[in-house]
N, C-alpha and C. Protein backbone atom coordinates (compact mmCIF):
# COMPACT_ATOMS: atom_id res chain seq x y z
N MET A 1 106.95 -75.16 49.60
CA MET A 1 106.32 -76.42 49.27
C MET A 1 106.40 -76.62 47.77
N LYS A 2 107.00 -77.71 47.38
CA LYS A 2 107.13 -78.02 45.95
C LYS A 2 105.96 -78.90 45.52
N LEU A 3 105.35 -78.52 44.40
CA LEU A 3 104.24 -79.31 43.87
C LEU A 3 104.76 -80.51 43.09
N SER A 4 104.05 -81.57 43.14
CA SER A 4 104.40 -82.77 42.41
C SER A 4 104.32 -82.49 40.91
N GLU A 5 105.13 -83.18 40.13
CA GLU A 5 105.07 -83.04 38.68
C GLU A 5 103.74 -83.52 38.13
N LYS A 6 103.02 -84.31 38.92
CA LYS A 6 101.72 -84.82 38.50
C LYS A 6 100.58 -83.85 38.83
N THR A 7 100.91 -82.75 39.48
CA THR A 7 99.88 -81.77 39.85
C THR A 7 99.29 -81.14 38.60
N VAL A 8 97.98 -81.05 38.59
CA VAL A 8 97.27 -80.45 37.46
C VAL A 8 96.50 -79.24 37.97
N LYS A 9 96.70 -78.10 37.32
CA LYS A 9 95.94 -76.91 37.70
C LYS A 9 94.51 -77.03 37.18
N VAL A 10 93.57 -76.49 37.94
CA VAL A 10 92.17 -76.42 37.51
C VAL A 10 91.68 -75.00 37.74
N HIS A 11 90.71 -74.58 36.96
CA HIS A 11 90.14 -73.25 37.10
C HIS A 11 89.29 -73.18 38.37
N LEU A 12 89.14 -71.96 38.89
CA LEU A 12 88.42 -71.76 40.14
C LEU A 12 86.91 -71.82 39.98
N TYR A 13 86.41 -71.72 38.75
CA TYR A 13 84.97 -71.79 38.53
C TYR A 13 84.69 -72.53 37.23
N ASP A 14 83.47 -72.97 37.09
CA ASP A 14 83.05 -73.79 35.96
C ASP A 14 83.10 -73.01 34.65
N LEU A 15 83.45 -73.68 33.57
CA LEU A 15 83.52 -73.07 32.25
C LEU A 15 82.22 -72.35 31.88
N SER A 16 81.09 -72.88 32.30
CA SER A 16 79.81 -72.25 31.96
C SER A 16 79.67 -70.85 32.56
N ASN A 17 80.52 -70.50 33.50
CA ASN A 17 80.46 -69.18 34.13
C ASN A 17 81.52 -68.20 33.63
N VAL A 18 82.22 -68.55 32.56
CA VAL A 18 83.22 -67.64 32.01
C VAL A 18 82.55 -66.33 31.63
N LEU A 19 83.12 -65.23 32.03
CA LEU A 19 82.65 -63.86 31.84
C LEU A 19 81.48 -63.48 32.73
N LYS A 20 80.95 -64.42 33.51
CA LYS A 20 79.80 -64.08 34.36
C LYS A 20 79.82 -64.76 35.72
N PRO A 21 80.99 -65.03 36.29
CA PRO A 21 81.01 -65.67 37.61
C PRO A 21 80.39 -64.77 38.67
N ARG A 22 79.84 -65.38 39.67
CA ARG A 22 79.19 -64.64 40.76
C ARG A 22 79.84 -65.02 42.09
N GLY A 23 79.30 -64.49 43.14
CA GLY A 23 79.84 -64.80 44.46
C GLY A 23 81.21 -64.20 44.65
N THR A 24 82.13 -64.99 45.18
CA THR A 24 83.47 -64.48 45.46
C THR A 24 84.24 -64.16 44.19
N MET A 25 83.80 -64.68 43.05
CA MET A 25 84.49 -64.43 41.78
C MET A 25 83.82 -63.30 41.00
N LYS A 26 82.95 -62.54 41.64
CA LYS A 26 82.22 -61.48 40.94
C LYS A 26 83.16 -60.50 40.26
N LYS A 27 84.34 -60.32 40.82
CA LYS A 27 85.29 -59.39 40.22
C LYS A 27 85.71 -59.82 38.81
N GLU A 28 85.50 -61.07 38.47
CA GLU A 28 85.84 -61.58 37.14
C GLU A 28 84.75 -61.27 36.11
N SER A 29 83.61 -60.78 36.55
CA SER A 29 82.48 -60.55 35.67
C SER A 29 82.63 -59.26 34.87
N ILE A 30 82.26 -59.30 33.60
CA ILE A 30 82.24 -58.07 32.81
C ILE A 30 80.89 -57.36 32.96
N GLY A 31 79.93 -58.02 33.58
CA GLY A 31 78.60 -57.45 33.75
C GLY A 31 78.60 -56.15 34.52
N ASP A 32 79.42 -56.04 35.56
CA ASP A 32 79.46 -54.82 36.36
C ASP A 32 79.95 -53.64 35.52
N TYR A 33 80.95 -53.87 34.68
CA TYR A 33 81.46 -52.81 33.80
C TYR A 33 80.39 -52.38 32.80
N ILE A 34 79.72 -53.34 32.19
CA ILE A 34 78.67 -53.04 31.22
C ILE A 34 77.53 -52.29 31.90
N LEU A 35 77.12 -52.75 33.06
CA LEU A 35 76.03 -52.11 33.79
C LEU A 35 76.36 -50.65 34.09
N GLN A 36 77.56 -50.39 34.55
CA GLN A 36 77.96 -49.01 34.86
C GLN A 36 77.91 -48.14 33.60
N LYS A 37 78.41 -48.65 32.49
CA LYS A 37 78.37 -47.90 31.23
C LYS A 37 76.94 -47.63 30.79
N LEU A 38 76.07 -48.63 30.89
CA LEU A 38 74.67 -48.43 30.51
C LEU A 38 74.03 -47.34 31.36
N HIS A 39 74.27 -47.37 32.67
CA HIS A 39 73.73 -46.34 33.55
C HIS A 39 74.27 -44.96 33.18
N ASP A 40 75.58 -44.88 32.93
CA ASP A 40 76.20 -43.59 32.57
C ASP A 40 75.57 -43.00 31.32
N TYR A 41 75.43 -43.82 30.28
CA TYR A 41 74.87 -43.31 29.03
C TYR A 41 73.38 -43.00 29.17
N TYR A 42 72.67 -43.82 29.92
CA TYR A 42 71.24 -43.56 30.16
C TYR A 42 71.06 -42.21 30.84
N GLU A 43 71.84 -41.99 31.91
CA GLU A 43 71.73 -40.72 32.63
C GLU A 43 72.08 -39.54 31.74
N SER A 44 73.12 -39.68 30.93
CA SER A 44 73.53 -38.61 30.03
C SER A 44 72.43 -38.28 29.02
N TRP A 45 71.84 -39.32 28.43
CA TRP A 45 70.87 -39.12 27.37
C TRP A 45 69.45 -38.88 27.87
N THR A 46 69.24 -38.89 29.19
CA THR A 46 67.93 -38.53 29.74
C THR A 46 68.02 -37.23 30.55
N ASP A 47 69.17 -36.59 30.49
CA ASP A 47 69.38 -35.33 31.21
C ASP A 47 68.56 -34.23 30.54
N LYS A 48 67.60 -33.71 31.27
CA LYS A 48 66.66 -32.74 30.71
C LYS A 48 67.29 -31.39 30.39
N SER A 49 68.54 -31.18 30.77
CA SER A 49 69.21 -29.92 30.43
C SER A 49 69.65 -29.91 28.96
N TYR A 50 69.54 -31.05 28.28
CA TYR A 50 69.85 -31.13 26.86
C TYR A 50 68.57 -31.04 26.05
N GLY A 51 68.66 -30.46 24.88
CA GLY A 51 67.49 -30.30 24.04
C GLY A 51 67.27 -31.41 23.05
N ASP A 52 68.17 -32.38 23.03
CA ASP A 52 68.07 -33.45 22.02
C ASP A 52 67.87 -34.84 22.63
N ILE A 53 67.17 -34.90 23.76
CA ILE A 53 66.99 -36.21 24.40
C ILE A 53 65.93 -37.03 23.64
N PRO A 54 66.22 -38.30 23.46
CA PRO A 54 65.26 -39.18 22.77
C PRO A 54 64.16 -39.64 23.73
N THR A 55 63.17 -40.30 23.19
CA THR A 55 62.19 -40.93 24.06
C THR A 55 62.89 -42.07 24.79
N GLU A 56 62.34 -42.47 25.92
CA GLU A 56 62.96 -43.56 26.67
C GLU A 56 62.96 -44.85 25.84
N GLU A 57 61.87 -45.09 25.12
CA GLU A 57 61.79 -46.29 24.28
C GLU A 57 62.88 -46.28 23.19
N GLU A 58 63.07 -45.13 22.56
CA GLU A 58 64.11 -45.00 21.53
C GLU A 58 65.50 -45.19 22.13
N LEU A 59 65.73 -44.56 23.28
CA LEU A 59 67.03 -44.67 23.93
C LEU A 59 67.35 -46.11 24.31
N LEU A 60 66.39 -46.79 24.92
CA LEU A 60 66.64 -48.18 25.34
C LEU A 60 66.89 -49.09 24.13
N ALA A 61 66.14 -48.87 23.06
CA ALA A 61 66.34 -49.68 21.85
C ALA A 61 67.73 -49.42 21.26
N LEU A 62 68.15 -48.16 21.23
CA LEU A 62 69.47 -47.83 20.69
C LEU A 62 70.59 -48.35 21.58
N LEU A 63 70.43 -48.23 22.90
CA LEU A 63 71.45 -48.77 23.81
C LEU A 63 71.62 -50.28 23.59
N LYS A 64 70.51 -50.98 23.48
CA LYS A 64 70.55 -52.44 23.28
C LYS A 64 71.19 -52.77 21.93
N ALA A 65 70.77 -52.09 20.87
CA ALA A 65 71.32 -52.35 19.54
C ALA A 65 72.81 -52.03 19.50
N ASN A 66 73.20 -50.91 20.09
CA ASN A 66 74.62 -50.53 20.07
C ASN A 66 75.46 -51.46 20.94
N LEU A 67 74.92 -51.91 22.06
CA LEU A 67 75.60 -52.88 22.90
C LEU A 67 75.83 -54.18 22.13
N ASN A 68 74.79 -54.66 21.47
CA ASN A 68 74.93 -55.88 20.66
C ASN A 68 75.96 -55.69 19.55
N SER A 69 75.94 -54.54 18.90
CA SER A 69 76.90 -54.26 17.84
C SER A 69 78.34 -54.26 18.35
N GLU A 70 78.55 -53.65 19.50
CA GLU A 70 79.88 -53.61 20.09
C GLU A 70 80.37 -55.00 20.49
N VAL A 71 79.48 -55.80 21.04
CA VAL A 71 79.85 -57.17 21.43
C VAL A 71 80.21 -57.97 20.18
N GLU A 72 79.42 -57.87 19.13
CA GLU A 72 79.69 -58.60 17.89
C GLU A 72 81.01 -58.15 17.28
N SER A 73 81.28 -56.86 17.30
CA SER A 73 82.53 -56.34 16.76
C SER A 73 83.72 -56.87 17.57
N ALA A 74 83.62 -56.81 18.88
CA ALA A 74 84.70 -57.33 19.74
C ALA A 74 84.90 -58.82 19.51
N TRP A 75 83.79 -59.55 19.34
CA TRP A 75 83.86 -61.00 19.12
C TRP A 75 84.61 -61.30 17.82
N LYS A 76 84.31 -60.57 16.75
CA LYS A 76 84.98 -60.78 15.46
C LYS A 76 86.47 -60.49 15.56
N ILE A 77 86.82 -59.41 16.25
CA ILE A 77 88.23 -59.06 16.42
C ILE A 77 88.93 -60.11 17.27
N PHE A 78 88.28 -60.56 18.33
CA PHE A 78 88.85 -61.60 19.17
C PHE A 78 89.11 -62.87 18.36
N ARG A 79 88.12 -63.31 17.58
CA ARG A 79 88.28 -64.52 16.76
C ARG A 79 89.44 -64.36 15.78
N TYR A 80 89.59 -63.19 15.20
CA TYR A 80 90.70 -62.93 14.29
C TYR A 80 92.03 -62.99 15.06
N ASN A 81 92.07 -62.36 16.22
CA ASN A 81 93.30 -62.32 17.01
C ASN A 81 93.76 -63.69 17.47
N VAL A 82 92.85 -64.61 17.72
CA VAL A 82 93.26 -65.95 18.15
C VAL A 82 93.38 -66.92 16.98
N GLY A 83 93.25 -66.40 15.76
CA GLY A 83 93.49 -67.21 14.57
C GLY A 83 92.30 -67.99 14.05
N LEU A 84 91.10 -67.66 14.51
CA LEU A 84 89.91 -68.39 14.06
C LEU A 84 89.22 -67.73 12.87
N GLU A 85 89.54 -66.48 12.61
CA GLU A 85 88.99 -65.75 11.46
C GLU A 85 90.16 -65.25 10.63
N LYS A 86 89.93 -65.21 9.35
CA LYS A 86 90.99 -64.69 8.47
C LYS A 86 90.51 -63.46 7.75
C-alpha cells in the first residue's frame, strides 16, 4: 500500500507525555529505568552488612540531590549537542 504524498505522520502520544507516556506506551518512559536504579542504590546503601550506611533521611536526601544533579548535567549536555548551548 503506497501512502499519498499528502500523508502526514503524527506521533502516537501527546507532546505533554514525552518521557513519561503510560498505558501501552509505558515502554517509552524513562521512569521505570530511574525507579529501578533508585531501588538498587537504596538497597545497596541500606544493607546492614556494611559499616558505613547512612541514616535513611540522609540517604534519601542524597539520592534526590544526586538524581537532580545527573538530570541537570544530562540536560546541559543535550542542549549543547543539539546546538542550543555553546
